[in-house]
Amino acid sequence: MLVDCDDPLTIHKFCSMLPAFVFQVHPVIRVEDAVRGELEVIAWRDSLKGK
């Protein structure tokens, strides 16, 4: 099943409603947002090397 929803709580409620099933939830974000987030994490990680 593929579900599109803007509210993570709604997805959590749906998964809790059907405990006999196993769900995998994967957030889908724009590539631009993913790259920006990864660059922030890389910069943070690289800042730890000097400490």
Protein backbone atom coordinates (compact mmCIF):
# COMPACT_ATOMS: atom_id res chain seq x y z
CA MET A 1 0.00 0.00 0.00
CA LEU A 2 1.26 3.49 -0.76
CA VAL A 3 -0.07 6.35 1.34
CA ASP A 4 0.54 10.06 1.00
CA CYS A 5 0.03 12.17 4.10
CA ASP A 6 1.36 15.46 5.48
CA ASP A 7 0.77 14.57 9.13
CA PRO A 8 3.04 11.92 10.70
CA LEU A 9 0.61 11.49 13.59
CA THR A 10 -2.10 10.35 11.17
CA ILE A 11 0.25 7.69 9.80
CA HIS A 12 1.12 6.57 13.33
CA LYS A 13 -2.56 6.28 14.24
CA PHE A 14 -3.27 4.24 11.10
CA CYS A 15 -0.40 1.84 11.81
CA SER A 16 -1.53 1.49 15.44
CA MET A 17 -5.06 0.73 14.32
CA LEU A 18 -3.91 -2.42 12.50
CA PRO A 19 -1.38 -4.13 14.80
CA ALA A 20 -1.56 -7.46 12.94
CA PHE A 21 0.24 -5.89 9.97
CA VAL A 22 3.86 -4.77 9.72
CA PHE A 23 4.35 -1.31 8.27
CA GLN A 24 7.44 0.43 6.98
CA VAL A 25 7.20 4.21 6.84
CA HIS A 26 9.65 6.14 4.70
CA PRO A 27 9.54 9.93 4.53
CA VAL A 28 9.79 11.32 1.04
CA ILE A 29 11.49 14.67 0.69
CA ARG A 30 12.67 16.76 -2.23
CA VAL A 31 16.18 16.05 -3.44
CA GLU A 32 17.19 19.67 -2.84
CA ASP A 33 16.11 19.43 0.81
CA ALA A 34 17.93 16.12 1.25
CA VAL A 35 21.18 17.50 -0.17
CA ARG A 36 20.96 20.62 2.01
CA GLY A 37 20.42 18.46 5.10
CA GLU A 38 23.31 16.16 4.21
CA LEU A 39 25.64 19.12 3.69
CA GLU A 40 24.71 20.46 7.13
CA VAL A 41 25.46 17.09 8.72
CA ILE A 42 28.77 16.79 6.86
CA ALA A 43 29.80 20.26 8.04
CA TRP A 44 28.86 19.37 11.63
CA ARG A 45 30.80 16.08 11.44
CA ASP A 46 33.85 17.82 9.98
CA SER A 47 33.76 20.40 12.79
CA LEU A 48 34.19 17.57 15.33
CA LYS A 49 37.49 16.40 13.83
CA GLY A 50 39.38 19.42 15.19
CA LYS A 51 38.16 18.93 18.77
